[in-house]
C-alpha atoms as a PDB file:
ATOM      1  CA  UNK A   1     -53.594 -10.030 -30.375  1.00  0.00           C
ATOM      2  CA  UNK A   2     -55.465 -11.687 -33.452  1.00  0.00           C
ATOM      3  CA  UNK A   3     -57.756  -8.590 -34.110  1.00  0.00           C
ATOM      4  CA  UNK A   4     -54.274  -6.518 -34.029  1.00  0.00           C
ATOM      5  CA  UNK A   5     -52.514  -8.627 -36.336  1.00  0.00           C
ATOM      6  CA  UNK A   6     -55.865  -8.124 -38.702  1.00  0.00           C
ATOM      7  CA  UNK A   7     -55.704  -4.780 -38.173  1.00  0.00           C
ATOM      8  CA  UNK A   8     -52.188  -4.640 -39.832  1.00  0.00           C
ATOM      9  CA  UNK A   9     -52.558  -6.876 -42.641  1.00  0.00           C
ATOM     10  CA  UNK A  10     -51.973 -10.283 -41.815  1.00  0.00           C
ATOM     11  CA  UNK A  11     -52.734 -13.657 -42.080  1.00  0.00           C
ATOM     12  CA  UNK A  12     -53.676 -14.958 -38.578  1.00  0.00           C
ATOM     13  CA  UNK A  13     -54.554 -18.390 -36.725  1.00  0.00           C
ATOM     14  CA  UNK A  14     -55.290 -18.908 -33.263  1.00  0.00           C
ATOM     15  CA  UNK A  15     -56.241 -21.951 -31.362  1.00  0.00           C
ATOM     16  CA  UNK A  16     -57.346 -23.174 -28.015  1.00  0.00           C
ATOM     17  CA  UNK A  17     -55.828 -26.201 -26.482  1.00  0.00           C
ATOM     18  CA  UNK A  18     -57.881 -26.710 -23.820  1.00  0.00           C
ATOM     19  CA  UNK A  19     -56.240 -28.880 -20.436  1.00  0.00           C
ATOM     20  CA  UNK A  20     -58.847 -29.132 -17.606  1.00  0.00           C
ATOM     21  CA  UNK A  21     -57.087 -26.624 -15.975  1.00  0.00           C
ATOM     22  CA  UNK A  22     -59.340 -27.664 -13.048  1.00  0.00           C
ATOM     23  CA  UNK A  23     -57.631 -31.091 -12.760  1.00  0.00           C
ATOM     24  CA  UNK A  24     -54.470 -29.740 -13.097  1.00  0.00           C
ATOM     25  CA  UNK A  25     -53.746 -29.029 -16.239  1.00  0.00           C
ATOM     26  CA  UNK A  26     -53.598 -25.869 -18.816  1.00  0.00           C
ATOM     27  CA  UNK A  27     -55.282 -24.010 -21.439  1.00  0.00           C
ATOM     28  CA  UNK A  28     -53.086 -22.820 -24.211  1.00  0.00           C
ATOM     29  CA  UNK A  29     -54.181 -20.318 -26.539  1.00  0.00           C
ATOM     30  CA  UNK A  30     -51.818 -20.653 -29.959  1.00  0.00           C
ATOM     31  CA  UNK A  31     -51.040 -18.185 -32.277  1.00  0.00           C
ATOM     32  CA  UNK A  32     -48.962 -17.490 -35.516  1.00  0.00           C
ATOM     33  CA  UNK A  33     -49.273 -14.800 -38.101  1.00  0.00           C
ATOM     34  CA  UNK A  34     -47.893 -13.872 -41.736  1.00  0.00           C
ATOM     35  CA  UNK A  35     -47.300 -10.543 -42.894  1.00  0.00           C
ATOM     36  CA  UNK A  36     -49.699 -10.838 -46.128  1.00  0.00           C
ATOM     37  CA  UNK A  37     -47.223  -8.693 -48.043  1.00  0.00           C
ATOM     38  CA  UNK A  38     -45.207 -11.462 -47.897  1.00  0.00           C
ATOM     39  CA  UNK A  39     -47.069 -14.567 -49.228  1.00  0.00           C
ATOM     40  CA  UNK A  40     -46.780 -13.107 -52.717  1.00  0.00           C
ATOM     41  CA  UNK A  41     -50.247 -14.381 -53.127  1.00  0.00           C
ATOM     42  CA  UNK A  42     -49.716 -17.673 -52.079  1.00  0.00           C
ATOM     43  CA  UNK A  43     -51.835 -19.254 -48.910  1.00  0.00           C
ATOM     44  CA  UNK A  44     -50.617 -19.506 -46.091  1.00  0.00           C
ATOM     45  CA  UNK A  45     -50.428 -23.361 -43.914  1.00  0.00           C
ATOM     46  CA  UNK A  46     -50.516 -23.167 -40.642  1.00  0.00           C
ATOM     47  CA  UNK A  47     -49.516 -24.917 -37.383  1.00  0.00           C
ATOM     48  CA  UNK A  48     -51.884 -26.426 -35.534  1.00  0.00           C
ATOM     49  CA  UNK A  49     -49.326 -26.837 -32.382  1.00  0.00           C
ATOM     50  CA  UNK A  50     -46.719 -24.814 -31.305  1.00  0.00           C
ATOM     51  CA  UNK A  51     -43.137 -26.152 -31.606  1.00  0.00           C
ATOM     52  CA  UNK A  52     -40.919 -26.789 -28.441  1.00  0.00           C
ATOM     53  CA  UNK A  53     -37.941 -24.572 -29.284  1.00  0.00           C
ATOM     54  CA  UNK A  54     -39.391 -22.761 -32.149  1.00  0.00           C
ATOM     55  CA  UNK A  55     -41.741 -20.175 -30.199  1.00  0.00           C
ATOM     56  CA  UNK A  56     -41.071 -16.189 -30.812  1.00  0.00           C
ATOM     57  CA  UNK A  57     -43.174 -15.264 -27.533  1.00  0.00           C
ATOM     58  CA  UNK A  58     -44.451 -16.939 -24.135  1.00  0.00           C
ATOM     59  CA  UNK A  59     -47.262 -15.106 -22.467  1.00  0.00           C
ATOM     60  CA  UNK A  60     -47.881 -16.439 -18.845  1.00  0.00           C
ATOM     61  CA  UNK A  61     -50.187 -15.182 -16.292  1.00  0.00           C
ATOM     62  CA  UNK A  62     -48.336 -17.178 -13.677  1.00  0.00           C
ATOM     63  CA  UNK A  63     -44.932 -17.628 -13.054  1.00  0.00           C
ATOM     64  CA  UNK A  64     -44.983 -21.584 -12.527  1.00  0.00           C
ATOM     65  CA  UNK A  65     -47.771 -21.505 -15.746  1.00  0.00           C
ATOM     66  CA  UNK A  66     -44.146 -20.341 -17.095  1.00  0.00           C
ATOM     67  CA  UNK A  67     -42.286 -23.120 -15.818  1.00  0.00           C
ATOM     68  CA  UNK A  68     -44.674 -26.073 -17.499  1.00  0.00           C
ATOM     69  CA  UNK A  69     -44.693 -23.904 -20.554  1.00  0.00           C
ATOM     70  CA  UNK A  70     -39.941 -24.034 -20.280  1.00  0.00           C
ATOM     71  CA  UNK A  71     -40.540 -27.814 -18.768  1.00  0.00           C
ATOM     72  CA  UNK A  72     -42.349 -28.806 -22.070  1.00  0.00           C
ATOM     73  CA  UNK A  73     -39.309 -27.021 -24.014  1.00  0.00           C
ATOM     74  CA  UNK A  74     -40.831 -24.496 -25.470  1.00  0.00           C
ATOM     75  CA  UNK A  75     -38.386 -21.352 -24.523  1.00  0.00           C
ATOM     76  CA  UNK A  76     -35.140 -20.575 -26.509  1.00  0.00           C
ATOM     77  CA  UNK A  77     -32.779 -18.250 -26.870  1.00  0.00           C
ATOM     78  CA  UNK A  78     -35.233 -17.002 -29.643  1.00  0.00           C
ATOM     79  CA  UNK A  79     -37.936 -16.521 -27.254  1.00  0.00           C
ATOM     80  CA  UNK A  80     -39.528 -12.988 -25.818  1.00  0.00           C
ATOM     81  CA  UNK A  81     -41.343 -13.907 -22.159  1.00  0.00           C
ATOM     82  CA  UNK A  82     -43.727 -11.948 -20.844  1.00  0.00           C
ATOM     83  CA  UNK A  83     -44.772 -12.983 -17.638  1.00  0.00           C
ATOM     84  CA  UNK A  84     -46.530 -12.237 -14.811  1.00  0.00           C
ATOM     85  CA  UNK A  85     -44.532 -13.266 -11.528  1.00  0.00           C
ATOM     86  CA  UNK A  86     -46.804 -13.625  -8.967  1.00  0.00           C
ATOM     87  CA  UNK A  87     -48.134 -16.999  -7.648  1.00  0.00           C
ATOM     88  CA  UNK A  88     -51.176 -19.348  -7.520  1.00  0.00           C
ATOM     89  CA  UNK A  89     -50.234 -22.444  -5.668  1.00  0.00           C
ATOM     90  CA  UNK A  90     -50.424 -25.662  -7.420  1.00  0.00           C
ATOM     91  CA  UNK A  91     -52.232 -28.504  -4.877  1.00  0.00           C
ATOM     92  CA  UNK A  92     -49.069 -30.604  -4.847  1.00  0.00           C
ATOM     93  CA  UNK A  93     -47.337 -27.576  -3.341  1.00  0.00           C
ATOM     94  CA  UNK A  94     -50.080 -27.421  -0.790  1.00  0.00           C
ATOM     95  CA  UNK A  95     -49.512 -31.098   0.096  1.00  0.00           C
ATOM     96  CA  UNK A  96     -46.442 -31.761   2.037  1.00  0.00           C
ATOM     97  CA  UNK A  97     -46.138 -30.770   5.900  1.00  0.00           C
ATOM     98  CA  UNK A  98     -43.437 -27.916   5.305  1.00  0.00           C
ATOM     99  CA  UNK A  99     -42.724 -25.992   2.675  1.00  0.00           C
ATOM    100  CA  UNK A 100     -43.560 -27.756  -0.655  1.00  0.00           C
ATOM    101  CA  UNK A 101     -43.581 -24.789  -2.794  1.00  0.00           C
ATOM    102  CA  UNK A 102     -41.627 -24.369  -6.242  1.00  0.00           C
ATOM    103  CA  UNK A 103     -38.904 -21.466  -5.926  1.00  0.00           C
ATOM    104  CA  UNK A 104     -39.217 -18.729  -7.455  1.00  0.00           C
ATOM    105  CA  UNK A 105     -35.450 -17.879  -7.818  1.00  0.00           C
ATOM    106  CA  UNK A 106     -35.545 -21.139 -10.005  1.00  0.00           C
ATOM    107  CA  UNK A 107     -37.557 -20.485 -12.032  1.00  0.00           C
ATOM    108  CA  UNK A 108     -36.584 -16.698 -12.806  1.00  0.00           C
ATOM    109  CA  UNK A 109     -33.587 -19.197 -13.538  1.00  0.00           C
ATOM    110  CA  UNK A 110     -35.197 -20.804 -15.954  1.00  0.00           C
ATOM    111  CA  UNK A 111     -36.637 -18.211 -17.868  1.00  0.00           C
ATOM    112  CA  UNK A 112     -33.400 -16.272 -18.220  1.00  0.00           C
ATOM    113  CA  UNK A 113     -31.669 -18.726 -19.931  1.00  0.00           C
ATOM    114  CA  UNK A 114     -34.253 -19.836 -21.960  1.00  0.00           C
ATOM    115  CA  UNK A 115     -35.390 -16.471 -23.461  1.00  0.00           C
ATOM    116  CA  UNK A 116     -33.396 -13.529 -25.596  1.00  0.00           C
ATOM    117  CA  UNK A 117     -35.406 -10.751 -23.611  1.00  0.00           C
ATOM    118  CA  UNK A 118     -37.679 -11.682 -20.313  1.00  0.00           C
ATOM    119  CA  UNK A 119     -40.230  -9.134 -19.130  1.00  0.00           C
ATOM    120  CA  UNK A 120     -41.938 -10.158 -15.804  1.00  0.00           C
ATOM    121  CA  UNK A 121     -44.141  -7.946 -13.823  1.00  0.00           C
ATOM    122  CA  UNK A 122     -45.998  -8.956 -11.055  1.00  0.00           C
ATOM    123  CA  UNK A 123     -49.858  -8.119 -12.941  1.00  0.00           C
ATOM    124  CA  UNK A 124     -51.989  -9.089 -10.081  1.00  0.00           C
ATOM    125  CA  UNK A 125     -50.304  -6.854  -8.191  1.00  0.00           C
ATOM    126  CA  UNK A 126     -50.314  -4.033  -9.950  1.00  0.00           C
ATOM    127  CA  UNK A 127     -54.313  -4.494 -10.873  1.00  0.00           C
ATOM    128  CA  UNK A 128     -55.225  -4.126  -7.723  1.00  0.00           C
ATOM    129  CA  UNK A 129     -52.665  -1.170  -6.722  1.00  0.00           C
ATOM    130  CA  UNK A 130     -54.104   0.328  -9.760  1.00  0.00           C
ATOM    131  CA  UNK A 131     -57.867  -0.020  -8.107  1.00  0.00           C
ATOM    132  CA  UNK A 132     -58.674  -3.070 -10.772  1.00  0.00           C
ATOM    133  CA  UNK A 133     -59.425  -6.898 -10.239  1.00  0.00           C
ATOM    134  CA  UNK A 134     -57.229  -9.775 -11.195  1.00  0.00           C
ATOM    135  CA  UNK A 135     -59.200 -10.483 -14.732  1.00  0.00           C
ATOM    136  CA  UNK A 136     -57.241  -7.032 -15.553  1.00  0.00           C
ATOM    137  CA  UNK A 137     -54.054  -9.254 -15.685  1.00  0.00           C
ATOM    138  CA  UNK A 138     -54.687 -10.462 -19.453  1.00  0.00           C
ATOM    139  CA  UNK A 139     -54.537  -6.260 -20.499  1.00  0.00           C
ATOM    140  CA  UNK A 140     -51.661  -5.870 -18.442  1.00  0.00           C
ATOM    141  CA  UNK A 141     -49.648  -8.195 -20.286  1.00  0.00           C
ATOM    142  CA  UNK A 142     -50.595  -7.241 -23.340  1.00  0.00           C
ATOM    143  CA  UNK A 143     -49.149  -3.694 -22.520  1.00  0.00           C
ATOM    144  CA  UNK A 144     -46.108  -5.261 -21.435  1.00  0.00           C
ATOM    145  CA  UNK A 145     -45.914  -7.136 -24.913  1.00  0.00           C
ATOM    146  CA  UNK A 146     -46.099  -3.975 -26.250  1.00  0.00           C
ATOM    147  CA  UNK A 147     -43.837  -2.106 -24.687  1.00  0.00           C
ATOM    148  CA  UNK A 148     -41.269  -5.311 -25.330  1.00  0.00           C
ATOM    149  CA  UNK A 149     -41.606  -4.398 -29.021  1.00  0.00           C
ATOM    150  CA  UNK A 150     -41.374  -8.469 -29.699  1.00  0.00           C
ATOM    151  CA  UNK A 151     -43.880  -8.036 -32.169  1.00  0.00           C
ATOM    152  CA  UNK A 152     -43.842  -5.472 -34.888  1.00  0.00           C
ATOM    153  CA  UNK A 153     -47.436  -3.854 -34.135  1.00  0.00           C
ATOM    154  CA  UNK A 154     -47.573  -0.333 -33.049  1.00  0.00           C
ATOM    155  CA  UNK A 155     -49.134   0.375 -29.687  1.00  0.00           C
ATOM    156  CA  UNK A 156     -52.238   2.649 -31.258  1.00  0.00           C
ATOM    157  CA  UNK A 157     -52.853  -1.237 -32.958  1.00  0.00           C
ATOM    158  CA  UNK A 158     -53.091  -2.754 -29.798  1.00  0.00           C
ATOM    159  CA  UNK A 159     -55.392   0.310 -28.440  1.00  0.00           C
ATOM    160  CA  UNK A 160     -57.214  -0.023 -31.676  1.00  0.00           C
ATOM    161  CA  UNK A 161     -57.712  -3.952 -31.769  1.00  0.00           C
ATOM    162  CA  UNK A 162     -59.381  -3.917 -27.644  1.00  0.00           C
ATOM    163  CA  UNK A 163     -62.070  -1.262 -28.979  1.00  0.00           C
ATOM    164  CA  UNK A 164     -62.880  -3.081 -31.945  1.00  0.00           C
ATOM    165  CA  UNK A 165     -63.135  -6.617 -29.658  1.00  0.00           C
ATOM    166  CA  UNK A 166     -65.262  -4.644 -27.830  1.00  0.00           C
ATOM    167  CA  UNK A 167     -64.872  -6.677 -24.611  1.00  0.00           C
ATOM    168  CA  UNK A 168     -64.758  -4.533 -21.616  1.00  0.00           C
ATOM    169  CA  UNK A 169     -63.063  -1.623 -23.211  1.00  0.00           C
ATOM    170  CA  UNK A 170     -62.366   0.584 -20.661  1.00  0.00           C
ATOM    171  CA  UNK A 171     -61.101  -1.202 -18.062  1.00  0.00           C
ATOM    172  CA  UNK A 172     -58.574  -3.182 -20.822  1.00  0.00           C
ATOM    173  CA  UNK A 173     -57.246   0.080 -22.267  1.00  0.00           C
ATOM    174  CA  UNK A 174     -56.321   1.008 -18.718  1.00  0.00           C
ATOM    175  CA  UNK A 175     -55.150  -2.669 -17.557  1.00  0.00           C
ATOM    176  CA  UNK A 176     -53.174  -1.958 -21.119  1.00  0.00           C
ATOM    177  CA  UNK A 177     -51.516   1.108 -20.458  1.00  0.00           C
ATOM    178  CA  UNK A 178     -50.978   0.707 -16.588  1.00  0.00           C
ATOM    179  CA  UNK A 179     -48.803  -2.591 -18.442  1.00  0.00           C
ATOM    180  CA  UNK A 180     -47.130  -0.904 -20.990  1.00  0.00           C
ATOM    181  CA  UNK A 181     -46.203   1.700 -18.255  1.00  0.00           C
ATOM    182  CA  UNK A 182     -44.508  -0.158 -15.852  1.00  0.00           C
ATOM    183  CA  UNK A 183     -43.029  -2.809 -18.353  1.00  0.00           C
ATOM    184  CA  UNK A 184     -41.368   0.761 -19.927  1.00  0.00           C
ATOM    185  CA  UNK A 185     -39.875   2.243 -16.621  1.00  0.00           C
ATOM    186  CA  UNK A 186     -38.518  -1.293 -16.198  1.00  0.00           C
ATOM    187  CA  UNK A 187     -36.238  -1.153 -19.865  1.00  0.00           C
ATOM    188  CA  UNK A 188     -38.539  -3.283 -21.579  1.00  0.00           C
ATOM    189  CA  UNK A 189     -37.332  -3.430 -25.169  1.00  0.00           C
ATOM    190  CA  UNK A 190     -33.975  -2.260 -24.350  1.00  0.00           C
ATOM    191  CA  UNK A 191     -33.103  -5.581 -25.487  1.00  0.00           C
ATOM    192  CA  UNK A 192     -34.252  -6.587 -28.706  1.00  0.00           C
ATOM    193  CA  UNK A 193     -34.408 -10.228 -30.228  1.00  0.00           C
ATOM    194  CA  UNK A 194     -32.560 -11.175 -32.388  1.00  0.00           C
ATOM    195  CA  UNK A 195     -34.877 -13.356 -34.114  1.00  0.00           C
ATOM    196  CA  UNK A 196     -36.639 -13.150 -37.376  1.00  0.00           C
ATOM    197  CA  UNK A 197     -40.237 -12.251 -36.614  1.00  0.00           C
ATOM    198  CA  UNK A 198     -41.436 -13.133 -39.750  1.00  0.00           C
ATOM    199  CA  UNK A 199     -43.013 -16.662 -37.477  1.00  0.00           C
ATOM    200  CA  UNK A 200     -44.213 -14.638 -34.772  1.00  0.00           C
ATOM    201  CA  UNK A 201     -46.113 -15.141 -31.417  1.00  0.00           C
ATOM    202  CA  UNK A 202     -46.408 -19.541 -31.025  1.00  0.00           C
END
């Protein structure tokens, strides 16, 4: 995404917020972008952290991961959510004698209530069905994001960014197309976000 924004002449900043995921935390990647043509030659000062209620796009690799982001207040009626619906059960969910698994229906209700558009797909299942491993989830979600139209980036820009980054290009391009095609066929982008895209992805 950072490379894609650069290709379309944006100032962009990406920040990783590590959370020791092996100990129950999560790792967050936060990105802000602004078109250079809108800056009138002035330097744009980006935030270091996302602001609750002022996030334009949330991408989640797993469904409870999305729930954690929404619990922190990042979703709102201006947020496009792109998420995989598969689950990787947490330690706390595995501990009770009975079922301690968090309700899928509750997660989906939260995602619907705190978004302007919800693009949901089982990216892990899609990867397996198309002969790819779990590493393809990222590229599949990127394709779904592209289909959503939430960001002002051309499809070819996403493709060129994958090529220029140069990591597992062939498999990532394939995953991108799988995610985009699946999201397209399920109506992604039919409900366009009403907010201005000037702040972009957070």
